[in-house]
Amino acid sequence: MSSTACSRLIACLILTLFIWLEQAGAQISGNSRAAELEQCVEPTALMRKSHMDFLKHQRDLTVHQGIRTRKHSLLECIACHAEKAANGEFIAINAQGQFCQGCHAAVAVSMDCFQCHAARPEPSAMLTNHISITTADLDSAR
């Protein structure tokens, strides 16, 4: 196969992958808090592309600077996207067929978040461990 044909094939495969990923993106369904909202804390396309950057930035603000906000916190993501089972208990967000696991499995990316973090909402932790501050507070902390 010539290098031009190989380049075209690779470009076609990449384009196909992007189209497939857009179609295979996690669907908000069921009885999660997110199912009742029109959009996430950021536009859907941006969240699909950059959610890990938001989470890493939030982690750095929290761990290195002691700043805790809700907008891009993993705790809030879980609290919003976790679904409840028929018995009313939350289903782990990384369980088969659930929000995080669906996309991560489709793109063959492992989730190591839940090796340390809880995969189900913890309402008491949301109320006591997170302090909501304004964007102006964040800007002054940088």
C-alpha atoms as a PDB file:
ATOM      1  CA  MET A   1       0.000   0.000   0.000  1.00  0.00           C
ATOM      2  CA  SER A   2       1.410   3.414  -0.904  1.00  0.00           C
ATOM      3  CA  SER A   3       2.002   6.021   1.751  1.00  0.00           C
ATOM      4  CA  THR A   4      -0.739   8.222   0.262  1.00  0.00           C
ATOM      5  CA  ALA A   5      -3.270   5.399   0.412  1.00  0.00           C
ATOM      6  CA  CYS A   6      -2.169   4.561   3.933  1.00  0.00           C
ATOM      7  CA  SER A   7      -2.533   8.225   4.991  1.00  0.00           C
ATOM      8  CA  ARG A   8      -6.025   8.381   3.481  1.00  0.00           C
ATOM      9  CA  LEU A   9      -7.028   5.176   5.242  1.00  0.00           C
ATOM     10  CA  ILE A  10      -5.776   6.482   8.583  1.00  0.00           C
ATOM     11  CA  ALA A  11      -7.574   9.802   8.089  1.00  0.00           C
ATOM     12  CA  CYS A  12     -10.779   7.949   7.199  1.00  0.00           C
ATOM     13  CA  LEU A  13     -10.474   5.737  10.283  1.00  0.00           C
ATOM     14  CA  ILE A  14      -9.879   8.734  12.548  1.00  0.00           C
ATOM     15  CA  LEU A  15     -12.881  10.564  11.082  1.00  0.00           C
ATOM     16  CA  THR A  16     -15.019   7.455  11.497  1.00  0.00           C
ATOM     17  CA  LEU A  17     -13.864   7.114  15.104  1.00  0.00           C
ATOM     18  CA  PHE A  18     -14.807  10.717  15.906  1.00  0.00           C
ATOM     19  CA  ILE A  19     -18.243  10.291  14.340  1.00  0.00           C
ATOM     20  CA  TRP A  20     -18.765   7.007  16.187  1.00  0.00           C
ATOM     21  CA  LEU A  21     -17.659   8.520  19.506  1.00  0.00           C
ATOM     22  CA  GLU A  22     -20.062  11.417  19.070  1.00  0.00           C
ATOM     23  CA  GLN A  23     -22.891   8.947  18.447  1.00  0.00           C
ATOM     24  CA  ALA A  24     -21.767   6.608  21.242  1.00  0.00           C
ATOM     25  CA  GLY A  25     -21.448   9.346  23.840  1.00  0.00           C
ATOM     26  CA  ALA A  26     -22.975   8.606  27.216  1.00  0.00           C
ATOM     27  CA  GLN A  27     -26.664   9.236  27.293  1.00  0.00           C
ATOM     28  CA  ILE A  28     -28.274  10.848  30.288  1.00  0.00           C
ATOM     29  CA  SER A  29     -31.160   8.615  31.153  1.00  0.00           C
ATOM     30  CA  GLY A  30     -33.110   7.069  33.929  1.00  0.00           C
ATOM     31  CA  ASN A  31     -33.527   8.654  37.291  1.00  0.00           C
ATOM     32  CA  SER A  32     -30.341  10.647  37.745  1.00  0.00           C
ATOM     33  CA  ARG A  33     -30.392  14.329  38.676  1.00  0.00           C
ATOM     34  CA  ALA A  34     -28.685  15.035  35.317  1.00  0.00           C
ATOM     35  CA  ALA A  35     -31.677  13.595  33.433  1.00  0.00           C
ATOM     36  CA  GLU A  36     -33.728  16.555  34.625  1.00  0.00           C
ATOM     37  CA  LEU A  37     -31.257  19.193  33.384  1.00  0.00           C
ATOM     38  CA  GLU A  38     -30.847  20.722  29.941  1.00  0.00           C
ATOM     39  CA  GLN A  39     -27.036  20.678  30.060  1.00  0.00           C
ATOM     40  CA  CYS A  40     -24.133  19.884  32.333  1.00  0.00           C
ATOM     41  CA  VAL A  41     -22.036  22.558  34.089  1.00  0.00           C
ATOM     42  CA  GLU A  42     -20.431  23.077  30.668  1.00  0.00           C
ATOM     43  CA  PRO A  43     -21.781  22.382  27.157  1.00  0.00           C
ATOM     44  CA  THR A  44     -21.999  18.655  26.381  1.00  0.00           C
ATOM     45  CA  ALA A  45     -19.427  18.669  23.561  1.00  0.00           C
ATOM     46  CA  LEU A  46     -16.915  20.459  25.792  1.00  0.00           C
ATOM     47  CA  MET A  47     -17.538  18.053  28.678  1.00  0.00           C
ATOM     48  CA  ARG A  48     -17.022  15.019  26.427  1.00  0.00           C
ATOM     49  CA  LYS A  49     -13.720  16.414  25.235  1.00  0.00           C
ATOM     50  CA  SER A  50     -12.345  18.108  28.350  1.00  0.00           C
ATOM     51  CA  HIS A  51     -13.946  16.631  31.485  1.00  0.00           C
ATOM     52  CA  MET A  52     -10.654  15.101  32.585  1.00  0.00           C
ATOM     53  CA  ASP A  53      -8.908  18.481  32.271  1.00  0.00           C
ATOM     54  CA  PHE A  54     -11.619  20.044  34.461  1.00  0.00           C
ATOM     55  CA  LEU A  55     -11.254  17.278  37.041  1.00  0.00           C
ATOM     56  CA  LYS A  56      -7.451  17.579  37.122  1.00  0.00           C
ATOM     57  CA  HIS A  57      -7.650  21.351  37.473  1.00  0.00           C
ATOM     58  CA  GLN A  58     -10.188  20.972  40.293  1.00  0.00           C
ATOM     59  CA  ARG A  59      -7.942  18.394  41.965  1.00  0.00           C
ATOM     60  CA  ASP A  60      -4.988  20.769  41.825  1.00  0.00           C
ATOM     61  CA  LEU A  61      -7.009  23.644  43.289  1.00  0.00           C
ATOM     62  CA  THR A  62      -8.243  21.419  46.099  1.00  0.00           C
ATOM     63  CA  VAL A  63      -5.085  19.488  46.943  1.00  0.00           C
ATOM     64  CA  HIS A  64      -2.455  22.160  46.359  1.00  0.00           C
ATOM     65  CA  GLN A  65      -4.331  25.336  47.267  1.00  0.00           C
ATOM     66  CA  GLY A  66      -7.085  24.113  49.581  1.00  0.00           C
ATOM     67  CA  ILE A  67      -9.802  25.623  47.377  1.00  0.00           C
ATOM     68  CA  ARG A  68     -12.950  23.523  47.165  1.00  0.00           C
ATOM     69  CA  THR A  69     -15.665  24.343  44.652  1.00  0.00           C
ATOM     70  CA  ARG A  70     -18.567  22.317  43.333  1.00  0.00           C
ATOM     71  CA  LYS A  71     -18.644  23.183  39.632  1.00  0.00           C
ATOM     72  CA  HIS A  72     -16.065  20.661  38.379  1.00  0.00           C
ATOM     73  CA  SER A  73     -15.694  18.433  41.425  1.00  0.00           C
ATOM     74  CA  LEU A  74     -15.819  14.664  40.997  1.00  0.00           C
ATOM     75  CA  LEU A  75     -18.184  14.494  43.963  1.00  0.00           C
ATOM     76  CA  GLU A  76     -20.711  16.710  42.197  1.00  0.00           C
ATOM     77  CA  CYS A  77     -20.341  14.773  38.920  1.00  0.00           C
ATOM     78  CA  ILE A  78     -21.170  11.570  40.741  1.00  0.00           C
ATOM     79  CA  ALA A  79     -24.025  13.165  42.686  1.00  0.00           C
ATOM     80  CA  CYS A  80     -25.607  14.407  39.454  1.00  0.00           C
ATOM     81  CA  HIS A  81     -25.003  11.475  37.092  1.00  0.00           C
ATOM     82  CA  ALA A  82     -25.545   8.474  39.404  1.00  0.00           C
ATOM     83  CA  GLU A  83     -28.794   6.616  38.860  1.00  0.00           C
ATOM     84  CA  LYS A  84     -30.894   4.890  41.482  1.00  0.00           C
ATOM     85  CA  ALA A  85     -31.858   1.232  41.346  1.00  0.00           C
ATOM     86  CA  ALA A  86     -35.448   0.073  41.849  1.00  0.00           C
ATOM     87  CA  ASN A  87     -34.775  -0.259  45.594  1.00  0.00           C
ATOM     88  CA  GLY A  88     -33.818   3.448  45.803  1.00  0.00           C
ATOM     89  CA  GLU A  89     -30.103   2.799  46.351  1.00  0.00           C
ATOM     90  CA  PHE A  90     -27.576   4.554  44.125  1.00  0.00           C
ATOM     91  CA  ILE A  91     -25.851   2.441  41.470  1.00  0.00           C
ATOM     92  CA  ALA A  92     -22.071   2.879  41.255  1.00  0.00           C
ATOM     93  CA  ILE A  93     -21.321   5.328  38.439  1.00  0.00           C
ATOM     94  CA  ASN A  94     -18.628   2.990  37.108  1.00  0.00           C
ATOM     95  CA  ALA A  95     -20.857  -0.119  37.110  1.00  0.00           C
ATOM     96  CA  GLN A  96     -21.652  -1.885  33.832  1.00  0.00           C
ATOM     97  CA  GLY A  97     -23.977   0.285  31.714  1.00  0.00           C
ATOM     98  CA  GLN A  98     -23.737   3.346  33.927  1.00  0.00           C
ATOM     99  CA  PHE A  99     -22.787   6.878  32.867  1.00  0.00           C
ATOM    100  CA  CYS A 100     -18.994   6.904  33.278  1.00  0.00           C
ATOM    101  CA  GLN A 101     -18.414   3.288  32.395  1.00  0.00           C
ATOM    102  CA  GLY A 102     -20.365   3.520  29.124  1.00  0.00           C
ATOM    103  CA  CYS A 103     -18.110   6.057  27.408  1.00  0.00           C
ATOM    104  CA  HIS A 104     -14.881   4.871  28.979  1.00  0.00           C
ATOM    105  CA  ALA A 105     -15.519   1.315  27.778  1.00  0.00           C
ATOM    106  CA  ALA A 106     -16.389   2.549  24.273  1.00  0.00           C
ATOM    107  CA  VAL A 107     -13.030   4.322  23.947  1.00  0.00           C
ATOM    108  CA  ALA A 108     -11.023   1.713  25.907  1.00  0.00           C
ATOM    109  CA  VAL A 109      -9.950   4.159  28.607  1.00  0.00           C
ATOM    110  CA  SER A 110      -9.632   2.882  32.143  1.00  0.00           C
ATOM    111  CA  MET A 111     -11.059   4.829  35.051  1.00  0.00           C
ATOM    112  CA  ASP A 112      -8.760   4.903  38.015  1.00  0.00           C
ATOM    113  CA  CYS A 113     -10.761   7.608  39.826  1.00  0.00           C
ATOM    114  CA  PHE A 114     -12.733   5.040  41.776  1.00  0.00           C
ATOM    115  CA  GLN A 115      -9.748   3.218  43.175  1.00  0.00           C
ATOM    116  CA  CYS A 116      -9.753   5.982  45.794  1.00  0.00           C
ATOM    117  CA  HIS A 117     -12.988   7.928  45.316  1.00  0.00           C
ATOM    118  CA  ALA A 118     -16.501   6.687  46.070  1.00  0.00           C
ATOM    119  CA  ALA A 119     -18.488   5.673  42.980  1.00  0.00           C
ATOM    120  CA  ARG A 120     -21.827   6.493  44.617  1.00  0.00           C
ATOM    121  CA  PRO A 121     -23.088   9.835  45.942  1.00  0.00           C
ATOM    122  CA  GLU A 122     -22.473  10.500  49.596  1.00  0.00           C
ATOM    123  CA  PRO A 123     -24.930  13.239  50.580  1.00  0.00           C
ATOM    124  CA  SER A 124     -23.347  13.862  53.973  1.00  0.00           C
ATOM    125  CA  ALA A 125     -19.944  14.415  52.363  1.00  0.00           C
ATOM    126  CA  MET A 126     -21.449  16.825  49.836  1.00  0.00           C
ATOM    127  CA  LEU A 127     -22.913  18.931  52.604  1.00  0.00           C
ATOM    128  CA  THR A 128     -19.931  18.991  54.948  1.00  0.00           C
ATOM    129  CA  ASN A 129     -16.781  18.734  52.841  1.00  0.00           C
ATOM    130  CA  HIS A 130     -17.442  21.150  50.001  1.00  0.00           C
ATOM    131  CA  ILE A 131     -17.615  24.883  50.395  1.00  0.00           C
ATOM    132  CA  SER A 132     -19.064  26.783  47.486  1.00  0.00           C
ATOM    133  CA  ILE A 133     -17.069  29.866  46.518  1.00  0.00           C
ATOM    134  CA  THR A 134     -17.475  32.294  43.652  1.00  0.00           C
ATOM    135  CA  THR A 135     -15.470  32.602  40.444  1.00  0.00           C
ATOM    136  CA  ALA A 136     -14.109  35.891  41.781  1.00  0.00           C
ATOM    137  CA  ASP A 137     -12.705  33.994  44.769  1.00  0.00           C
ATOM    138  CA  LEU A 138     -10.996  31.576  42.387  1.00  0.00           C
ATOM    139  CA  ASP A 139      -9.539  34.378  40.285  1.00  0.00           C
ATOM    140  CA  SER A 140      -8.084  36.059  43.362  1.00  0.00           C
ATOM    141  CA  ALA A 141      -6.562  32.754  44.515  1.00  0.00           C
ATOM    142  CA  ARG A 142      -4.597  32.243  41.293  1.00  0.00           C
END
